[in-house]
Amino acid sequence: MKVILIRDVEKLGKNGEIKNVADGYARNFLFPKKMAMLAGEKAIAEIKKQKEREGKHREEDIRKYKELAESLQKIEIIMSLEVGKEGHAFGSVSKDDIFAELKKRKLPIEKEWIELEKPLKSGGGWDIKIKLPHGIEATIKVIVEAKKEEKKRGRPKVIKS
């Protein structure tokens, strides 16, 4: 039986694809879960028109993301991190911090695109990968400067309430 997939189906295909499947699989699994619909002539023609429209939009999206990747390659983010006498960090630079800094620069980016497994807990330069849609990747440079904690001398202030 020929069906048109309405959603991505694991090990079968992606949304919009026309597939040949067993009748029972279509009736008992795909149709009840609204994962596919019967592939009639009108439906197939509509899907082809939709794919043509999406193809034009896809090319435009790819061009936009390539431009974004080029601008991301030029970015260098400098962040500071407080460290104690022995060099132990009191915090870290996380994916949220990097995302906030990129948002300050008004870049159209999603937090999920930033590839950072663990927060950065030491000073130095780091290359952080950004995975954009359509398989486009960019790398930004994050420099973490270690800032020594300064102890204040003198008497502590007493606040009266």
N, C-alpha and C. Protein backbone atom coordinates (compact mmCIF):
# COMPACT_ATOMS: atom_id res chain seq x y z
N MET A 1 0.85 -1.17 0.00
CA MET A 1 0.00 0.00 0.00
C MET A 1 0.89 1.24 0.00
N LYS A 2 0.57 2.21 -0.83
CA LYS A 2 1.34 3.46 -0.87
C LYS A 2 0.76 4.45 0.13
N VAL A 3 1.67 4.99 0.96
CA VAL A 3 1.26 5.99 1.96
C VAL A 3 2.19 7.20 1.87
N ILE A 4 1.68 8.33 2.34
CA ILE A 4 2.48 9.55 2.45
C ILE A 4 2.72 9.77 3.94
N LEU A 5 3.95 9.88 4.32
CA LEU A 5 4.28 10.08 5.73
C LEU A 5 3.95 11.51 6.14
N ILE A 6 3.21 11.64 7.22
CA ILE A 6 2.83 12.95 7.75
C ILE A 6 3.88 13.43 8.74
N ARG A 7 4.54 12.48 9.41
CA ARG A 7 5.61 12.79 10.37
C ARG A 7 6.80 11.91 10.04
N ASP A 8 7.95 12.24 10.61
CA ASP A 8 9.13 11.38 10.49
C ASP A 8 8.85 10.07 11.24
N VAL A 9 9.10 8.95 10.59
CA VAL A 9 8.90 7.64 11.21
C VAL A 9 10.25 6.94 11.21
N GLU A 10 10.69 6.57 12.42
CA GLU A 10 12.00 5.94 12.56
C GLU A 10 12.08 4.67 11.72
N LYS A 11 13.15 4.49 11.03
CA LYS A 11 13.46 3.34 10.18
C LYS A 11 12.52 3.20 8.97
N LEU A 12 11.72 4.26 8.70
CA LEU A 12 10.85 4.19 7.53
C LEU A 12 11.09 5.38 6.60
N GLY A 13 11.03 6.59 7.14
CA GLY A 13 11.25 7.74 6.28
C GLY A 13 10.91 9.04 6.97
N LYS A 14 11.04 10.12 6.19
CA LYS A 14 10.81 11.47 6.72
C LYS A 14 9.46 11.99 6.25
N ASN A 15 9.04 13.05 6.90
CA ASN A 15 7.79 13.73 6.58
C ASN A 15 7.73 14.07 5.09
N GLY A 16 6.60 13.75 4.45
CA GLY A 16 6.41 14.08 3.05
C GLY A 16 6.84 13.02 2.07
N GLU A 17 7.52 11.99 2.53
CA GLU A 17 7.97 10.93 1.63
C GLU A 17 6.84 9.96 1.31
N ILE A 18 6.87 9.40 0.12
CA ILE A 18 5.89 8.41 -0.30
C ILE A 18 6.56 7.04 -0.17
N LYS A 19 5.93 6.14 0.59
CA LYS A 19 6.52 4.83 0.87
C LYS A 19 5.53 3.73 0.56
N ASN A 20 6.05 2.59 0.21
CA ASN A 20 5.26 1.38 0.01
C ASN A 20 5.38 0.55 1.28
N VAL A 21 4.26 0.29 1.98
CA VAL A 21 4.30 -0.47 3.23
C VAL A 21 3.25 -1.57 3.18
N ALA A 22 3.35 -2.50 4.10
CA ALA A 22 2.36 -3.58 4.20
C ALA A 22 1.02 -3.00 4.64
N ASP A 23 -0.07 -3.58 4.14
CA ASP A 23 -1.41 -3.09 4.46
C ASP A 23 -1.66 -3.06 5.97
N GLY A 24 -1.30 -4.13 6.66
CA GLY A 24 -1.53 -4.21 8.11
C GLY A 24 -0.74 -3.15 8.86
N TYR A 25 0.50 -2.91 8.46
CA TYR A 25 1.33 -1.90 9.11
C TYR A 25 0.70 -0.52 8.96
N ALA A 26 0.17 -0.25 7.78
CA ALA A 26 -0.47 1.05 7.54
C ALA A 26 -1.74 1.18 8.38
N ARG A 27 -2.63 0.17 8.31
CA ARG A 27 -3.93 0.24 8.99
C ARG A 27 -3.81 0.17 10.52
N ASN A 28 -2.90 -0.66 11.01
CA ASN A 28 -2.83 -0.90 12.45
C ASN A 28 -1.86 0.01 13.19
N PHE A 29 -0.90 0.60 12.48
CA PHE A 29 0.10 1.41 13.18
C PHE A 29 0.15 2.84 12.65
N LEU A 30 0.41 3.01 11.36
CA LEU A 30 0.62 4.35 10.82
C LEU A 30 -0.64 5.22 10.83
N PHE A 31 -1.76 4.70 10.35
CA PHE A 31 -2.99 5.49 10.28
C PHE A 31 -3.54 5.85 11.66
N PRO A 32 -3.66 4.90 12.61
CA PRO A 32 -4.20 5.27 13.93
C PRO A 32 -3.35 6.30 14.67
N LYS A 33 -2.04 6.26 14.46
CA LYS A 33 -1.15 7.21 15.15
C LYS A 33 -0.95 8.49 14.35
N LYS A 34 -1.72 8.62 13.26
CA LYS A 34 -1.66 9.80 12.39
C LYS A 34 -0.24 10.10 11.91
N MET A 35 0.47 9.03 11.54
CA MET A 35 1.83 9.16 11.03
C MET A 35 1.87 9.15 9.51
N ALA A 36 0.76 8.68 8.89
CA ALA A 36 0.72 8.59 7.43
C ALA A 36 -0.72 8.70 6.95
N MET A 37 -0.84 8.96 5.65
CA MET A 37 -2.17 8.97 5.02
C MET A 37 -2.06 8.23 3.70
N LEU A 38 -3.19 7.77 3.23
CA LEU A 38 -3.23 7.02 1.99
C LEU A 38 -2.77 7.90 0.84
N ALA A 39 -1.94 7.36 -0.03
CA ALA A 39 -1.36 8.13 -1.13
C ALA A 39 -2.24 8.04 -2.37
N GLY A 40 -3.22 8.95 -2.47
CA GLY A 40 -4.05 9.04 -3.66
C GLY A 40 -3.38 9.97 -4.67
N GLU A 41 -3.92 10.06 -5.87
CA GLU A 41 -3.32 10.91 -6.92
C GLU A 41 -3.30 12.38 -6.52
N LYS A 42 -4.41 12.87 -5.94
CA LYS A 42 -4.48 14.28 -5.52
C LYS A 42 -3.47 14.55 -4.41
N ALA A 43 -3.37 13.65 -3.45
CA ALA A 43 -2.44 13.83 -2.33
C ALA A 43 -0.99 13.83 -2.82
N ILE A 44 -0.68 12.95 -3.76
CA ILE A 44 0.69 12.90 -4.30
C ILE A 44 1.02 14.19 -5.04
N ALA A 45 0.06 14.72 -5.82
CA ALA A 45 0.27 15.98 -6.55
C ALA A 45 0.47 17.12 -5.57
N GLU A 46 -0.30 17.16 -4.48
CA GLU A 46 -0.18 18.21 -3.47
C GLU A 46 1.18 18.14 -2.77
N ILE A 47 1.64 16.95 -2.48
CA ILE A 47 2.94 16.77 -1.83
C ILE A 47 4.07 17.26 -2.75
N LYS A 48 3.97 16.97 -4.04
CA LYS A 48 4.99 17.42 -4.99
C LYS A 48 5.04 18.95 -5.04
N LYS A 49 3.89 19.61 -5.05
CA LYS A 49 3.85 21.08 -5.05
C LYS A 49 4.46 21.63 -3.77
N GLN A 50 4.12 20.99 -2.65
CA GLN A 50 4.63 21.43 -1.36
C GLN A 50 6.16 21.27 -1.30
N LYS A 51 6.69 20.18 -1.84
CA LYS A 51 8.13 19.96 -1.85
C LYS A 51 8.85 21.02 -2.70
N GLU A 52 8.24 21.43 -3.81
CA GLU A 52 8.83 22.48 -4.64
C GLU A 52 8.91 23.80 -3.87
N ARG A 53 7.82 24.14 -3.17
CA ARG A 53 7.81 25.37 -2.36
C ARG A 53 8.86 25.30 -1.26
N GLU A 54 8.93 24.15 -0.58
CA GLU A 54 9.91 23.98 0.49
C GLU A 54 11.33 24.02 -0.04
N GLY A 55 11.54 23.51 -1.25
CA GLY A 55 12.87 23.53 -1.85
C GLY A 55 13.39 24.95 -2.03
N LYS A 56 12.51 25.85 -2.46
CA LYS A 56 12.89 27.25 -2.63
C LYS A 56 13.22 27.88 -1.28
N HIS A 57 12.38 27.60 -0.27
CA HIS A 57 12.62 28.14 1.07
C HIS A 57 13.88 27.54 1.68
N ARG A 58 14.13 26.28 1.42
CA ARG A 58 15.30 25.60 1.96
C ARG A 58 16.59 26.23 1.44
N GLU A 59 16.62 26.51 0.14
CA GLU A 59 17.81 27.15 -0.44
C GLU A 59 18.07 28.51 0.20
N GLU A 60 17.00 29.26 0.43
CA GLU A 60 17.13 30.58 1.07
C GLU A 60 17.62 30.42 2.51
N ASP A 61 17.07 29.44 3.23
CA ASP A 61 17.50 29.19 4.61
C ASP A 61 18.97 28.80 4.67
N ILE A 62 19.39 27.93 3.76
CA ILE A 62 20.80 27.50 3.73
C ILE A 62 21.71 28.70 3.50
N ARG A 63 21.32 29.59 2.60
CA ARG A 63 22.12 30.79 2.32
C ARG A 63 22.22 31.65 3.58
N LYS A 64 21.10 31.83 4.28
CA LYS A 64 21.09 32.65 5.51
C LYS A 64 21.98 32.03 6.59
N TYR A 65 21.89 30.71 6.76
CA TYR A 65 22.69 30.05 7.79
C TYR A 65 24.18 30.04 7.44
N LYS A 66 24.51 30.00 6.16
CA LYS A 66 25.92 30.08 5.77
C LYS A 66 26.46 31.47 6.08
N GLU A 67 25.66 32.51 5.85
CA GLU A 67 26.07 33.88 6.18
C GLU A 67 26.25 34.02 7.69
N LEU A 68 25.33 33.43 8.46
CA LEU A 68 25.43 33.47 9.92
C LEU A 68 26.70 32.75 10.38
N ALA A 69 27.00 31.61 9.76
CA ALA A 69 28.20 30.84 10.11
C ALA A 69 29.46 31.66 9.86
N GLU A 70 29.49 32.39 8.75
CA GLU A 70 30.65 33.24 8.45
C GLU A 70 30.81 34.33 9.49
N SER A 71 29.71 34.94 9.93
CA SER A 71 29.82 35.99 10.94
C SER A 71 30.20 35.40 12.30
N LEU A 72 29.74 34.18 12.60
CA LEU A 72 30.11 33.54 13.87
C LEU A 72 31.59 33.20 13.92
N GLN A 73 32.17 32.83 12.79
CA GLN A 73 33.59 32.47 12.73
C GLN A 73 34.48 33.63 13.20
N LYS A 74 34.02 34.86 13.01
CA LYS A 74 34.81 36.05 13.35
C LYS A 74 34.66 36.46 14.81
N ILE A 75 33.75 35.83 15.53
CA ILE A 75 33.44 36.26 16.89
C ILE A 75 34.44 35.70 17.90
N GLU A 76 34.81 36.56 18.82
CA GLU A 76 35.68 36.19 19.93
C GLU A 76 35.03 36.74 21.19
N ILE A 77 34.67 35.86 22.11
CA ILE A 77 34.01 36.25 23.35
C ILE A 77 35.03 36.17 24.48
N ILE A 78 35.14 37.26 25.23
CA ILE A 78 36.06 37.27 26.37
C ILE A 78 35.21 37.32 27.64
N MET A 79 35.42 36.33 28.50
CA MET A 79 34.68 36.24 29.75
C MET A 79 35.66 36.10 30.89
N SER A 80 35.29 36.59 32.06
CA SER A 80 36.19 36.48 33.21
C SER A 80 35.61 35.51 34.23
N LEU A 81 36.53 34.89 34.96
CA LEU A 81 36.17 33.87 35.94
C LEU A 81 37.02 34.10 37.18
N GLU A 82 36.37 34.21 38.33
CA GLU A 82 37.12 34.44 39.57
C GLU A 82 37.79 33.15 40.02
N VAL A 83 39.05 33.27 40.40
CA VAL A 83 39.80 32.12 40.93
C VAL A 83 40.45 32.50 42.25
N GLY A 84 40.66 31.51 43.10
CA GLY A 84 41.29 31.73 44.40
C GLY A 84 42.81 31.72 44.29
N LYS A 85 43.46 31.71 45.44
CA LYS A 85 44.93 31.72 45.49
C LYS A 85 45.55 30.53 44.77
N GLU A 86 44.96 29.36 44.96
CA GLU A 86 45.52 28.14 44.37
C GLU A 86 45.09 27.94 42.92
N GLY A 87 44.31 28.82 42.40
CA GLY A 87 43.87 28.72 41.01
C GLY A 87 42.56 27.97 40.82
N HIS A 88 41.87 27.68 41.91
CA HIS A 88 40.57 26.99 41.82
C HIS A 88 39.49 27.99 41.44
N ALA A 89 38.69 27.62 40.48
CA ALA A 89 37.64 28.51 39.99
C ALA A 89 36.46 28.53 40.96
N PHE A 90 35.84 29.70 41.11
CA PHE A 90 34.65 29.85 41.95
C PHE A 90 33.37 29.74 41.15
N GLY A 91 33.49 29.57 39.91
CA GLY A 91 32.32 29.46 39.05
C GLY A 91 32.72 28.77 37.76
N SER A 92 31.92 28.99 36.73
CA SER A 92 32.25 28.41 35.44
C SER A 92 31.55 29.22 34.35
N VAL A 93 32.00 29.02 33.14
CA VAL A 93 31.36 29.63 31.97
C VAL A 93 30.53 28.53 31.32
N SER A 94 29.22 28.71 31.34
CA SER A 94 28.33 27.67 30.84
C SER A 94 27.77 28.02 29.46
N LYS A 95 27.01 27.10 28.94
CA LYS A 95 26.33 27.30 27.67
C LYS A 95 25.40 28.51 27.76
N ASP A 96 24.76 28.69 28.93
CA ASP A 96 23.87 29.84 29.14
C ASP A 96 24.63 31.15 29.03
N ASP A 97 25.83 31.20 29.60
CA ASP A 97 26.65 32.43 29.55
C ASP A 97 27.04 32.76 28.12
N ILE A 98 27.44 31.76 27.37
CA ILE A 98 27.84 31.97 25.98
C ILE A 98 26.63 32.41 25.16
N PHE A 99 25.48 31.76 25.40
CA PHE A 99 24.26 32.11 24.69
C PHE A 99 23.85 33.55 24.98
N ALA A 100 23.94 33.95 26.26
CA ALA A 100 23.57 35.33 26.64
C ALA A 100 24.48 36.34 25.95
N GLU A 101 25.75 36.02 25.85
CA GLU A 101 26.70 36.92 25.20
C GLU A 101 26.41 37.04 23.71
N LEU A 102 26.06 35.94 23.07
CA LEU A 102 25.72 35.97 21.65
C LEU A 102 24.41 36.73 21.42
N LYS A 103 23.46 36.60 22.35
CA LYS A 103 22.20 37.33 22.24
C LYS A 103 22.42 38.84 22.40
N LYS A 104 23.37 39.22 23.26
CA LYS A 104 23.71 40.65 23.42
C LYS A 104 24.17 41.24 22.10
N ARG A 105 24.81 40.41 21.30
CA ARG A 105 25.30 40.87 20.00
C ARG A 105 24.23 40.75 18.91
N LYS A 106 23.01 40.41 19.34
CA LYS A 106 21.83 40.34 18.47
C LYS A 106 21.99 39.34 17.33
N LEU A 107 22.55 38.19 17.66
CA LEU A 107 22.69 37.12 16.66
C LEU A 107 21.50 36.18 16.77
N PRO A 108 20.90 35.80 15.64
CA PRO A 108 19.75 34.90 15.68
C PRO A 108 20.20 33.45 15.89
N ILE A 109 20.37 33.09 17.15
CA ILE A 109 20.92 31.78 17.47
C ILE A 109 20.08 31.12 18.56
N GLU A 110 20.06 29.80 18.55
CA GLU A 110 19.33 29.03 19.56
C GLU A 110 20.34 28.41 20.51
N LYS A 111 19.96 28.28 21.78
CA LYS A 111 20.85 27.73 22.79
C LYS A 111 21.24 26.28 22.47
N GLU A 112 20.31 25.53 21.87
CA GLU A 112 20.57 24.12 21.56
C GLU A 112 21.66 23.94 20.51
N TRP A 113 21.95 24.97 19.76
CA TRP A 113 22.95 24.88 18.70
C TRP A 113 24.37 24.89 19.26
N ILE A 114 24.55 25.38 20.48
CA ILE A 114 25.88 25.50 21.08
C ILE A 114 26.31 24.13 21.60
N GLU A 115 27.47 23.66 21.12
CA GLU A 115 28.01 22.36 21.52
C GLU A 115 29.02 22.56 22.65
N LEU A 116 28.57 22.39 23.88
CA LEU A 116 29.44 22.51 25.04
C LEU A 116 29.05 21.42 26.02
N GLU A 117 29.90 20.39 26.14
CA GLU A 117 29.57 19.24 26.99
C GLU A 117 29.63 19.60 28.47
N LYS A 118 30.71 20.28 28.87
CA LYS A 118 30.88 20.64 30.26
C LYS A 118 31.18 22.14 30.34
N PRO A 119 30.76 22.79 31.43
CA PRO A 119 31.11 24.20 31.60
C PRO A 119 32.63 24.39 31.67
N LEU A 120 33.09 25.55 31.22
CA LEU A 120 34.52 25.87 31.23
C LEU A 120 34.89 26.36 32.62
N LYS A 121 35.83 25.67 33.28
CA LYS A 121 36.18 25.99 34.66
C LYS A 121 37.61 26.46 34.84
N SER A 122 38.28 26.76 33.74
CA SER A 122 39.65 27.24 33.86
C SER A 122 39.90 28.29 32.79
N GLY A 123 40.94 29.06 33.01
CA GLY A 123 41.28 30.10 32.05
C GLY A 123 41.89 29.53 30.78
N GLY A 124 41.83 30.32 29.72
CA GLY A 124 42.42 29.89 28.46
C GLY A 124 41.49 30.16 27.29
N GLY A 125 41.93 29.73 26.12
CA GLY A 125 41.14 29.92 24.91
C GLY A 125 40.46 28.61 24.52
N TRP A 126 39.22 28.69 24.14
CA TRP A 126 38.44 27.51 23.80
C TRP A 126 37.73 27.74 22.46
N ASP A 127 37.74 26.72 21.62
CA ASP A 127 36.97 26.76 20.37
C ASP A 127 35.65 26.04 20.63
N ILE A 128 34.55 26.76 20.52
CA ILE A 128 33.23 26.20 20.78
C ILE A 128 32.50 26.05 19.46
N LYS A 129 32.02 24.84 19.21
CA LYS A 129 31.33 24.54 17.95
C LYS A 129 29.86 24.93 18.06
N ILE A 130 29.35 25.56 17.01
CA ILE A 130 27.95 25.91 16.89
C ILE A 130 27.38 25.11 15.72
N LYS A 131 26.38 24.27 15.98
CA LYS A 131 25.77 23.46 14.92
C LYS A 131 24.47 24.12 14.49
N LEU A 132 24.49 24.71 13.32
CA LEU A 132 23.33 25.38 12.75
C LEU A 132 22.48 24.36 11.99
N PRO A 133 21.23 24.69 11.69
CA PRO A 133 20.40 23.77 10.90
C PRO A 133 21.00 23.50 9.52
N HIS A 134 20.53 22.47 8.88
CA HIS A 134 20.96 22.04 7.54
C HIS A 134 22.41 21.57 7.53
N GLY A 135 22.92 21.12 8.69
CA GLY A 135 24.27 20.57 8.76
C GLY A 135 25.39 21.58 8.66
N ILE A 136 25.09 22.86 8.84
CA ILE A 136 26.11 23.91 8.75
C ILE A 136 26.72 24.11 10.14
N GLU A 137 28.04 24.18 10.19
CA GLU A 137 28.74 24.35 11.47
C GLU A 137 29.62 25.58 11.44
N ALA A 138 29.78 26.16 12.63
CA ALA A 138 30.67 27.31 12.81
C ALA A 138 31.41 27.12 14.13
N THR A 139 32.51 27.82 14.30
CA THR A 139 33.27 27.76 15.53
C THR A 139 33.52 29.18 16.03
N ILE A 140 33.23 29.39 17.31
CA ILE A 140 33.53 30.69 17.91
C ILE A 140 34.67 30.50 18.91
N LYS A 141 35.37 31.57 19.16
CA LYS A 141 36.49 31.54 20.10
C LYS A 141 36.00 32.14 21.42
N VAL A 142 36.13 31.38 22.51
CA VAL A 142 35.78 31.87 23.84
C VAL A 142 37.07 31.92 24.66
N ILE A 143 37.38 33.11 25.14
CA ILE A 143 38.58 33.29 25.96
C ILE A 143 38.12 33.52 27.40
N VAL A 144 38.57 32.64 28.29
CA VAL A 144 38.22 32.76 29.70
C VAL A 144 39.43 33.31 30.44
N GLU A 145 39.27 34.50 31.00
CA GLU A 145 40.36 35.13 31.75
C GLU A 145 40.16 34.84 33.22
N ALA A 146 41.21 34.34 33.87
CA ALA A 146 41.15 34.07 35.30
C ALA A 146 41.40 35.37 36.04
N LYS A 147 40.47 35.74 36.90
CA LYS A 147 40.59 36.97 37.67
C LYS A 147 40.78 36.58 39.13
N LYS A 148 41.91 36.97 39.71
CA LYS A 148 42.22 36.62 41.10
C LYS A 148 41.25 37.32 42.04
N GLU A 149 40.85 36.58 43.07
CA GLU A 149 39.96 37.13 44.08
C GLU A 149 40.76 38.09 44.95
N GLU A 150 40.22 39.25 45.16
CA GLU A 150 40.91 40.23 46.00
C GLU A 150 40.23 40.28 47.35
N LYS A 151 41.04 40.05 48.39
CA LYS A 151 40.49 40.14 49.74
C LYS A 151 40.51 41.59 50.18
N LYS A 152 39.42 42.01 50.76
CA LYS A 152 39.33 43.39 51.25
C LYS A 152 39.89 43.42 52.66
N ARG A 153 40.73 44.39 52.90
CA ARG A 153 41.33 44.52 54.22
C ARG A 153 40.55 45.55 55.03
N GLY A 154 40.67 45.44 56.30
CA GLY A 154 39.97 46.39 57.16
C GLY A 154 38.82 45.72 57.86
N ARG A 155 38.07 46.53 58.53
CA ARG A 155 36.97 46.00 59.32
C ARG A 155 35.75 45.77 58.44
N PRO A 156 35.01 44.71 58.71
CA PRO A 156 33.78 44.50 57.95
C PRO A 156 32.73 45.54 58.33
N LYS A 157 31.94 45.93 57.38
CA LYS A 157 30.89 46.91 57.65
C LYS A 157 29.73 46.23 58.36
N VAL A 158 29.19 46.95 59.34
CA VAL A 158 28.03 46.45 60.07
C VAL A 158 26.83 47.24 59.60
N ILE A 159 25.83 46.54 59.16
CA ILE A 159 24.63 47.20 58.68
C ILE A 159 23.58 47.11 59.78
N LYS A 160 23.13 48.28 60.26
CA LYS A 160 22.11 48.31 61.30
C LYS A 160 20.75 48.40 60.65
N SER A 161 19.83 47.62 61.21
CA SER A 161 18.48 47.68 60.65
C SER A 161 17.49 48.24 61.62
